[in-house]
Amino acid sequence: MGDVGELTVTQGFYVRPRYRNYLVLHPAVLTVAERRMRLVDHKDRVLLDAPATEVSARFSRFGLMHLTHGGRRLALQRHGANWSPNFTTRQVEQLKAAGMPVPGLAGGMAGGGGGDGLLDALAGLAALGEAADGAAELASSGGPLRRTWTPILTALGCRVEQRS
């Protein structure tokens, strides 16, 4: 499993709305597999499903990861807001099966969830160094999105834009 195309990473995020109501953010699960990025929200709506090479990413100084594809930009963050719904049972099961922490649950992004589900991803990323470190950090403390996701996205061929 030395090819980065075999990399699978799954993480829970909250999607910020396009409009300025940041009191309600919706939970979504981002899955990177077979060189594709797929983001599905709590109502099973597919928000993004595209080859990683067609997606660009930008990280804000406020800790957001902006994914852009086909002129549509999605702002993702790790923490919910005041009236954000919880992750659905299906989403929780998906994240736990991947060995990932579930945002909003006890332990959440603060270090719970364990890393057993990342063993395959880490084996596939072993030759990529920084990307392996980023994937390992996802299951532990999380770390800043820029630090953990930049090497993963870059290894997949995603354009990672620098802040100006």
N, C-alpha and C. Protein backbone atom coordinates (compact mmCIF):
# COMPACT_ATOMS: atom_id res chain seq x y z
N MET A 1 0.84 -1.20 0.00
CA MET A 1 0.00 0.00 0.00
C MET A 1 0.87 1.25 0.00
N GLY A 2 1.91 1.27 -0.80
CA GLY A 2 2.80 2.40 -0.83
C GLY A 2 2.32 3.54 -1.71
N ASP A 3 1.31 3.32 -2.55
CA ASP A 3 0.81 4.34 -3.45
C ASP A 3 -0.14 5.26 -2.70
N VAL A 4 0.02 6.58 -2.85
CA VAL A 4 -0.83 7.54 -2.16
C VAL A 4 -2.27 7.44 -2.64
N GLY A 5 -2.50 6.87 -3.83
CA GLY A 5 -3.85 6.68 -4.33
C GLY A 5 -4.67 5.75 -3.48
N GLU A 6 -4.02 4.93 -2.68
CA GLU A 6 -4.71 3.99 -1.80
C GLU A 6 -4.99 4.58 -0.43
N LEU A 7 -4.59 5.81 -0.21
CA LEU A 7 -4.80 6.49 1.06
C LEU A 7 -6.29 6.70 1.33
N THR A 8 -6.72 6.40 2.54
CA THR A 8 -8.09 6.68 2.97
C THR A 8 -8.02 7.41 4.30
N VAL A 9 -8.61 8.60 4.34
CA VAL A 9 -8.69 9.39 5.56
C VAL A 9 -10.12 9.89 5.69
N THR A 10 -10.67 9.80 6.88
CA THR A 10 -12.04 10.25 7.15
C THR A 10 -11.99 11.16 8.37
N GLN A 11 -12.65 12.32 8.29
CA GLN A 11 -12.69 13.21 9.45
C GLN A 11 -14.01 13.96 9.48
N GLY A 12 -14.51 14.21 10.68
CA GLY A 12 -15.73 14.98 10.87
C GLY A 12 -15.43 16.46 10.96
N PHE A 13 -16.28 17.26 10.33
CA PHE A 13 -16.15 18.71 10.34
C PHE A 13 -17.53 19.33 10.53
N TYR A 14 -17.53 20.63 10.76
CA TYR A 14 -18.76 21.41 10.71
C TYR A 14 -18.62 22.33 9.51
N VAL A 15 -19.68 22.40 8.69
CA VAL A 15 -19.68 23.23 7.49
C VAL A 15 -20.31 24.57 7.84
N ARG A 16 -19.59 25.63 7.53
CA ARG A 16 -20.12 26.97 7.75
C ARG A 16 -21.04 27.34 6.60
N PRO A 17 -22.15 27.97 6.89
CA PRO A 17 -23.07 28.37 5.81
C PRO A 17 -22.46 29.50 4.98
N ARG A 18 -22.98 29.65 3.77
CA ARG A 18 -22.48 30.73 2.90
C ARG A 18 -22.90 32.08 3.45
N TYR A 19 -23.99 32.10 4.18
CA TYR A 19 -24.47 33.35 4.73
C TYR A 19 -23.99 33.49 6.16
N ARG A 20 -24.13 34.59 6.74
CA ARG A 20 -23.48 34.93 8.01
C ARG A 20 -24.15 34.40 9.27
N ASN A 21 -24.97 33.38 9.21
CA ASN A 21 -25.55 32.79 10.42
C ASN A 21 -24.61 31.70 10.92
N TYR A 22 -23.64 32.09 11.72
CA TYR A 22 -22.65 31.14 12.20
C TYR A 22 -23.07 30.49 13.53
N LEU A 23 -24.33 30.68 13.95
CA LEU A 23 -24.81 30.03 15.15
C LEU A 23 -25.20 28.58 14.88
N VAL A 24 -25.47 28.26 13.62
CA VAL A 24 -25.85 26.90 13.24
C VAL A 24 -24.89 26.42 12.16
N LEU A 25 -24.02 25.51 12.52
CA LEU A 25 -23.10 24.88 11.57
C LEU A 25 -23.53 23.43 11.45
N HIS A 26 -23.43 22.86 10.27
CA HIS A 26 -23.92 21.51 10.05
C HIS A 26 -22.79 20.49 10.02
N PRO A 27 -22.95 19.37 10.73
CA PRO A 27 -21.92 18.35 10.74
C PRO A 27 -21.84 17.64 9.39
N ALA A 28 -20.61 17.33 8.99
CA ALA A 28 -20.37 16.63 7.74
C ALA A 28 -19.14 15.75 7.90
N VAL A 29 -19.05 14.74 7.07
CA VAL A 29 -17.89 13.84 7.11
C VAL A 29 -17.16 13.94 5.77
N LEU A 30 -15.87 14.26 5.86
CA LEU A 30 -15.01 14.34 4.68
C LEU A 30 -14.24 13.03 4.58
N THR A 31 -14.35 12.39 3.43
CA THR A 31 -13.61 11.15 3.18
C THR A 31 -12.72 11.36 1.97
N VAL A 32 -11.45 11.06 2.14
CA VAL A 32 -10.50 11.08 1.05
C VAL A 32 -10.14 9.63 0.78
N ALA A 33 -10.50 9.15 -0.41
CA ALA A 33 -10.24 7.75 -0.78
C ALA A 33 -10.11 7.67 -2.29
N GLU A 34 -9.22 6.82 -2.74
CA GLU A 34 -9.00 6.59 -4.17
C GLU A 34 -8.79 7.90 -4.93
N ARG A 35 -8.03 8.81 -4.31
CA ARG A 35 -7.70 10.12 -4.89
C ARG A 35 -8.93 10.99 -5.12
N ARG A 36 -10.01 10.73 -4.39
CA ARG A 36 -11.24 11.53 -4.49
C ARG A 36 -11.55 12.12 -3.11
N MET A 37 -12.23 13.25 -3.14
CA MET A 37 -12.68 13.89 -1.91
C MET A 37 -14.21 13.88 -1.94
N ARG A 38 -14.80 13.42 -0.84
CA ARG A 38 -16.26 13.33 -0.75
C ARG A 38 -16.69 13.89 0.61
N LEU A 39 -17.56 14.88 0.57
CA LEU A 39 -18.08 15.50 1.79
C LEU A 39 -19.59 15.31 1.81
N VAL A 40 -20.08 14.65 2.87
CA VAL A 40 -21.51 14.33 3.00
C VAL A 40 -22.00 14.92 4.32
N ASP A 41 -23.12 15.65 4.24
CA ASP A 41 -23.63 16.30 5.45
C ASP A 41 -24.53 15.38 6.27
N HIS A 42 -25.09 15.92 7.34
CA HIS A 42 -25.91 15.14 8.28
C HIS A 42 -27.23 14.67 7.69
N LYS A 43 -27.62 15.20 6.55
CA LYS A 43 -28.85 14.76 5.88
C LYS A 43 -28.53 13.89 4.67
N ASP A 44 -27.33 13.36 4.63
CA ASP A 44 -26.84 12.50 3.54
C ASP A 44 -26.77 13.21 2.19
N ARG A 45 -26.68 14.52 2.21
CA ARG A 45 -26.49 15.28 0.96
C ARG A 45 -25.01 15.33 0.64
N VAL A 46 -24.69 15.07 -0.60
CA VAL A 46 -23.30 15.11 -1.04
C VAL A 46 -22.97 16.56 -1.38
N LEU A 47 -22.08 17.16 -0.60
CA LEU A 47 -21.69 18.55 -0.82
C LEU A 47 -20.50 18.66 -1.76
N LEU A 48 -19.69 17.61 -1.80
CA LEU A 48 -18.50 17.59 -2.66
C LEU A 48 -18.19 16.14 -2.99
N ASP A 49 -17.95 15.88 -4.25
CA ASP A 49 -17.49 14.56 -4.69
C ASP A 49 -16.70 14.79 -5.97
N ALA A 50 -15.38 14.83 -5.84
CA ALA A 50 -14.54 15.18 -6.97
C ALA A 50 -13.14 14.60 -6.80
N PRO A 51 -12.44 14.43 -7.92
CA PRO A 51 -11.04 14.04 -7.81
C PRO A 51 -10.26 15.12 -7.06
N ALA A 52 -9.34 14.70 -6.22
CA ALA A 52 -8.57 15.66 -5.40
C ALA A 52 -7.82 16.66 -6.27
N THR A 53 -7.42 16.27 -7.46
CA THR A 53 -6.68 17.18 -8.33
C THR A 53 -7.54 18.33 -8.84
N GLU A 54 -8.86 18.22 -8.74
CA GLU A 54 -9.76 19.29 -9.18
C GLU A 54 -10.18 20.21 -8.04
N VAL A 55 -9.73 19.91 -6.84
CA VAL A 55 -10.12 20.67 -5.65
C VAL A 55 -8.95 21.54 -5.21
N SER A 56 -9.26 22.78 -4.83
CA SER A 56 -8.22 23.61 -4.24
C SER A 56 -8.59 23.85 -2.78
N ALA A 57 -7.58 24.04 -1.97
CA ALA A 57 -7.78 24.26 -0.53
C ALA A 57 -7.05 25.52 -0.10
N ARG A 58 -7.65 26.21 0.83
CA ARG A 58 -7.03 27.38 1.42
C ARG A 58 -7.36 27.35 2.90
N PHE A 59 -6.40 27.72 3.72
CA PHE A 59 -6.58 27.72 5.17
C PHE A 59 -6.60 29.16 5.66
N SER A 60 -7.60 29.49 6.47
CA SER A 60 -7.69 30.86 6.98
C SER A 60 -6.96 30.97 8.31
N ARG A 61 -6.70 32.17 8.70
CA ARG A 61 -6.04 32.39 9.99
C ARG A 61 -6.97 32.10 11.15
N PHE A 62 -8.26 31.90 10.87
CA PHE A 62 -9.24 31.59 11.91
C PHE A 62 -9.44 30.09 12.08
N GLY A 63 -8.62 29.28 11.42
CA GLY A 63 -8.69 27.84 11.59
C GLY A 63 -9.67 27.14 10.67
N LEU A 64 -10.08 27.80 9.59
CA LEU A 64 -11.00 27.19 8.64
C LEU A 64 -10.23 26.58 7.48
N MET A 65 -10.79 25.52 6.92
CA MET A 65 -10.26 24.93 5.69
C MET A 65 -11.32 25.17 4.62
N HIS A 66 -10.97 25.96 3.61
CA HIS A 66 -11.87 26.26 2.51
C HIS A 66 -11.54 25.33 1.35
N LEU A 67 -12.52 24.53 0.93
CA LEU A 67 -12.35 23.66 -0.23
C LEU A 67 -13.15 24.26 -1.37
N THR A 68 -12.54 24.39 -2.54
CA THR A 68 -13.22 24.96 -3.70
C THR A 68 -13.18 23.96 -4.85
N HIS A 69 -14.36 23.77 -5.44
CA HIS A 69 -14.47 22.90 -6.61
C HIS A 69 -15.61 23.43 -7.48
N GLY A 70 -15.32 23.61 -8.76
CA GLY A 70 -16.36 24.07 -9.69
C GLY A 70 -16.97 25.39 -9.31
N GLY A 71 -16.18 26.29 -8.73
CA GLY A 71 -16.68 27.60 -8.34
C GLY A 71 -17.42 27.63 -7.01
N ARG A 72 -17.61 26.49 -6.39
CA ARG A 72 -18.30 26.43 -5.11
C ARG A 72 -17.27 26.27 -3.99
N ARG A 73 -17.39 27.12 -2.96
CA ARG A 73 -16.46 27.05 -1.83
C ARG A 73 -17.18 26.59 -0.58
N LEU A 74 -16.56 25.65 0.10
CA LEU A 74 -17.09 25.11 1.36
C LEU A 74 -16.10 25.43 2.46
N ALA A 75 -16.58 26.05 3.52
CA ALA A 75 -15.73 26.38 4.67
C ALA A 75 -15.97 25.34 5.76
N LEU A 76 -14.89 24.65 6.16
CA LEU A 76 -14.98 23.60 7.17
C LEU A 76 -14.22 24.01 8.41
N GLN A 77 -14.78 23.65 9.56
CA GLN A 77 -14.08 23.87 10.82
C GLN A 77 -14.33 22.68 11.73
N ARG A 78 -13.54 22.58 12.77
CA ARG A 78 -13.60 21.41 13.65
C ARG A 78 -14.67 21.50 14.72
N HIS A 79 -15.07 22.69 15.09
CA HIS A 79 -15.98 22.83 16.23
C HIS A 79 -17.32 23.39 15.77
N GLY A 80 -18.39 22.92 16.41
CA GLY A 80 -19.72 23.42 16.11
C GLY A 80 -19.98 24.76 16.78
N ALA A 81 -21.19 25.26 16.61
CA ALA A 81 -21.59 26.53 17.21
C ALA A 81 -22.74 26.29 18.18
N ASN A 82 -23.29 27.37 18.70
CA ASN A 82 -24.33 27.29 19.74
C ASN A 82 -25.45 26.32 19.41
N TRP A 83 -26.05 26.44 18.23
CA TRP A 83 -27.21 25.63 17.90
C TRP A 83 -26.92 24.61 16.80
N SER A 84 -25.70 24.20 16.68
CA SER A 84 -25.34 23.20 15.67
C SER A 84 -25.90 21.85 16.08
N PRO A 85 -26.48 21.13 15.10
CA PRO A 85 -26.95 19.78 15.44
C PRO A 85 -25.76 18.86 15.72
N ASN A 86 -26.02 17.78 16.44
CA ASN A 86 -24.98 16.79 16.70
C ASN A 86 -24.76 15.94 15.45
N PHE A 87 -23.64 15.26 15.43
CA PHE A 87 -23.41 14.30 14.37
C PHE A 87 -24.45 13.20 14.48
N THR A 88 -24.95 12.71 13.36
CA THR A 88 -25.95 11.66 13.38
C THR A 88 -25.32 10.35 13.82
N THR A 89 -26.17 9.40 14.18
CA THR A 89 -25.68 8.08 14.59
C THR A 89 -24.84 7.46 13.47
N ARG A 90 -25.30 7.59 12.24
CA ARG A 90 -24.58 7.04 11.10
C ARG A 90 -23.20 7.69 10.96
N GLN A 91 -23.14 9.02 11.13
CA GLN A 91 -21.86 9.72 11.03
C GLN A 91 -20.92 9.31 12.16
N VAL A 92 -21.45 9.18 13.37
CA VAL A 92 -20.64 8.77 14.52
C VAL A 92 -20.06 7.38 14.27
N GLU A 93 -20.90 6.46 13.78
CA GLU A 93 -20.42 5.10 13.49
C GLU A 93 -19.35 5.11 12.41
N GLN A 94 -19.54 5.95 11.39
CA GLN A 94 -18.55 6.04 10.30
C GLN A 94 -17.22 6.55 10.83
N LEU A 95 -17.25 7.58 11.65
CA LEU A 95 -16.01 8.13 12.20
C LEU A 95 -15.33 7.16 13.16
N LYS A 96 -16.12 6.52 14.00
CA LYS A 96 -15.54 5.55 14.93
C LYS A 96 -14.94 4.36 14.19
N ALA A 97 -15.61 3.90 13.13
CA ALA A 97 -15.09 2.79 12.32
C ALA A 97 -13.76 3.16 11.68
N ALA A 98 -13.58 4.45 11.38
CA ALA A 98 -12.33 4.92 10.80
C ALA A 98 -11.29 5.20 11.89
N GLY A 99 -11.67 5.05 13.16
CA GLY A 99 -10.74 5.30 14.26
C GLY A 99 -10.53 6.78 14.51
N MET A 100 -11.51 7.60 14.11
CA MET A 100 -11.36 9.04 14.24
C MET A 100 -12.20 9.58 15.38
N PRO A 101 -11.75 10.66 16.02
CA PRO A 101 -12.55 11.29 17.06
C PRO A 101 -13.78 11.94 16.45
N VAL A 102 -14.84 12.04 17.23
CA VAL A 102 -16.09 12.64 16.77
C VAL A 102 -16.21 14.02 17.41
N PRO A 103 -16.23 15.09 16.60
CA PRO A 103 -16.37 16.43 17.18
C PRO A 103 -17.65 16.53 18.01
N GLY A 104 -17.54 17.16 19.17
CA GLY A 104 -18.71 17.37 20.01
C GLY A 104 -18.96 16.27 21.03
N LEU A 105 -18.35 15.09 20.87
CA LEU A 105 -18.51 14.03 21.86
C LEU A 105 -17.40 14.16 22.89
N ALA A 106 -17.59 13.56 24.05
CA ALA A 106 -16.56 13.61 25.08
C ALA A 106 -15.25 13.11 24.49
N GLY A 107 -14.22 13.86 24.64
CA GLY A 107 -12.94 13.51 24.04
C GLY A 107 -12.78 14.13 22.69
N GLY A 108 -13.86 14.21 21.93
CA GLY A 108 -13.95 14.84 20.62
C GLY A 108 -12.63 15.09 19.95
N MET A 109 -12.38 16.30 19.57
CA MET A 109 -11.13 16.64 18.91
C MET A 109 -10.00 16.86 19.91
N ALA A 110 -10.31 16.71 21.18
CA ALA A 110 -9.27 16.93 22.17
C ALA A 110 -8.42 15.69 22.39
N GLY A 111 -8.68 14.63 21.65
CA GLY A 111 -7.78 13.50 21.76
C GLY A 111 -8.45 12.16 21.89
N GLY A 112 -9.77 12.09 21.94
CA GLY A 112 -10.44 10.80 22.04
C GLY A 112 -10.49 10.09 20.71
N GLY A 113 -11.10 8.93 20.67
CA GLY A 113 -11.33 8.25 19.41
C GLY A 113 -10.29 7.24 19.03
N GLY A 114 -9.09 7.37 19.51
CA GLY A 114 -8.05 6.41 19.17
C GLY A 114 -7.58 6.53 17.75
N GLY A 115 -6.56 5.77 17.38
CA GLY A 115 -6.01 5.87 16.05
C GLY A 115 -5.94 4.55 15.32
N ASP A 116 -6.62 3.51 15.82
CA ASP A 116 -6.52 2.20 15.19
C ASP A 116 -6.92 2.21 13.73
N GLY A 117 -7.95 2.98 13.37
CA GLY A 117 -8.42 3.01 12.00
C GLY A 117 -7.45 3.68 11.05
N LEU A 118 -6.45 4.34 11.57
CA LEU A 118 -5.49 5.02 10.71
C LEU A 118 -4.30 4.14 10.34
N LEU A 119 -4.25 2.91 10.84
CA LEU A 119 -3.08 2.08 10.58
C LEU A 119 -2.85 1.87 9.09
N ASP A 120 -3.93 1.59 8.35
CA ASP A 120 -3.77 1.41 6.90
C ASP A 120 -3.31 2.69 6.23
N ALA A 121 -3.92 3.81 6.63
CA ALA A 121 -3.53 5.09 6.03
C ALA A 121 -2.07 5.40 6.34
N LEU A 122 -1.65 5.14 7.57
CA LEU A 122 -0.27 5.42 7.94
C LEU A 122 0.70 4.52 7.19
N ALA A 123 0.31 3.26 6.99
CA ALA A 123 1.17 2.36 6.22
C ALA A 123 1.33 2.87 4.80
N GLY A 124 0.25 3.36 4.22
CA GLY A 124 0.31 3.87 2.86
C GLY A 124 1.08 5.17 2.75
N LEU A 125 1.11 5.92 3.83
CA LEU A 125 1.79 7.21 3.81
C LEU A 125 3.22 7.15 4.35
N ALA A 126 3.65 5.99 4.75
CA ALA A 126 4.96 5.87 5.40
C ALA A 126 6.07 6.52 4.57
N ALA A 127 6.00 6.38 3.27
CA ALA A 127 7.04 6.94 2.41
C ALA A 127 6.87 8.44 2.20
N LEU A 128 5.77 9.00 2.64
CA LEU A 128 5.51 10.41 2.39
C LEU A 128 5.90 11.33 3.55
N GLY A 129 6.36 10.77 4.64
CA GLY A 129 6.88 11.58 5.74
C GLY A 129 5.89 12.55 6.35
N GLU A 130 5.85 13.78 5.87
CA GLU A 130 5.00 14.81 6.45
C GLU A 130 3.53 14.44 6.37
N ALA A 131 3.10 13.82 5.28
CA ALA A 131 1.70 13.42 5.15
C ALA A 131 1.35 12.39 6.20
N ALA A 132 2.26 11.48 6.49
CA ALA A 132 2.02 10.48 7.53
C ALA A 132 1.89 11.15 8.89
N ASP A 133 2.74 12.13 9.14
CA ASP A 133 2.65 12.86 10.40
C ASP A 133 1.31 13.57 10.52
N GLY A 134 0.84 14.18 9.42
CA GLY A 134 -0.44 14.87 9.42
C GLY A 134 -1.58 13.92 9.69
N ALA A 135 -1.59 12.77 9.05
CA ALA A 135 -2.67 11.79 9.24
C ALA A 135 -2.65 11.26 10.67
N ALA A 136 -1.47 11.04 11.22
CA ALA A 136 -1.37 10.55 12.59
C ALA A 136 -1.91 11.58 13.57
N GLU A 137 -1.66 12.85 13.29
CA GLU A 137 -2.13 13.91 14.17
C GLU A 137 -3.64 14.02 14.18
N LEU A 138 -4.31 13.64 13.07
CA LEU A 138 -5.76 13.73 13.00
C LEU A 138 -6.42 12.91 14.09
N ALA A 139 -5.88 11.74 14.38
CA ALA A 139 -6.50 10.86 15.36
C ALA A 139 -6.07 11.17 16.78
N SER A 140 -5.08 12.02 16.95
CA SER A 140 -4.66 12.35 18.30
C SER A 140 -5.22 13.70 18.69
N SER A 141 -4.38 14.68 18.82
CA SER A 141 -4.84 15.98 19.29
C SER A 141 -5.52 16.79 18.20
N GLY A 142 -5.39 16.37 16.98
CA GLY A 142 -5.99 17.13 15.89
C GLY A 142 -5.02 18.10 15.30
N GLY A 143 -4.50 18.99 16.06
CA GLY A 143 -3.56 19.98 15.54
C GLY A 143 -4.28 20.95 14.61
N PRO A 144 -3.61 22.03 14.26
CA PRO A 144 -4.22 22.98 13.33
C PRO A 144 -4.51 22.32 11.99
N LEU A 145 -5.63 22.67 11.38
CA LEU A 145 -6.00 22.09 10.09
C LEU A 145 -4.90 22.26 9.06
N ARG A 146 -4.28 23.43 9.03
CA ARG A 146 -3.23 23.70 8.05
C ARG A 146 -2.09 22.68 8.20
N ARG A 147 -1.69 22.41 9.42
CA ARG A 147 -0.55 21.51 9.64
C ARG A 147 -0.91 20.06 9.32
N THR A 148 -2.12 19.63 9.65
CA THR A 148 -2.46 18.23 9.45
C THR A 148 -2.94 17.92 8.04
N TRP A 149 -3.67 18.84 7.41
CA TRP A 149 -4.25 18.54 6.11
C TRP A 149 -3.39 18.97 4.92
N THR A 150 -2.53 19.97 5.05
CA THR A 150 -1.73 20.42 3.91
C THR A 150 -0.90 19.29 3.31
N PRO A 151 -0.15 18.52 4.09
CA PRO A 151 0.64 17.45 3.46
C PRO A 151 -0.22 16.35 2.84
N ILE A 152 -1.38 16.07 3.42
CA ILE A 152 -2.26 15.05 2.86
C ILE A 152 -2.81 15.52 1.52
N LEU A 153 -3.32 16.76 1.49
CA LEU A 153 -3.90 17.29 0.26
C LEU A 153 -2.84 17.45 -0.83
N THR A 154 -1.66 17.90 -0.45
CA THR A 154 -0.58 18.06 -1.41
C THR A 154 -0.17 16.71 -2.00
N ALA A 155 -0.08 15.68 -1.17
CA ALA A 155 0.29 14.35 -1.65
C ALA A 155 -0.75 13.80 -2.62
N LEU A 156 -2.01 14.22 -2.47
CA LEU A 156 -3.07 13.75 -3.36
C LEU A 156 -3.16 14.56 -4.64
N GLY A 157 -2.40 15.64 -4.75
CA GLY A 157 -2.42 16.47 -5.94
C GLY A 157 -3.40 17.61 -5.88
N CYS A 158 -3.94 17.87 -4.70
CA CYS A 158 -4.86 18.99 -4.50
C CYS A 158 -4.04 20.29 -4.49
N ARG A 159 -4.59 21.35 -5.08
CA ARG A 159 -3.91 22.66 -5.03
C ARG A 159 -4.13 23.26 -3.66
N VAL A 160 -3.06 23.57 -2.96
CA VAL A 160 -3.17 24.22 -1.65
C VAL A 160 -2.67 25.64 -1.82
N GLU A 161 -3.60 26.59 -1.71
CA GLU A 161 -3.27 28.00 -1.92
C GLU A 161 -2.72 28.59 -0.63
N GLN A 162 -1.76 29.47 -0.78
CA GLN A 162 -1.17 30.15 0.36
C GLN A 162 -1.96 31.43 0.63
N ARG A 163 -2.08 31.79 1.90
CA ARG A 163 -2.71 33.07 2.25
C ARG A 163 -1.88 34.20 1.72
N SER A 164 -2.56 35.24 1.27
CA SER A 164 -1.81 36.41 0.79
C SER A 164 -1.82 37.51 1.80
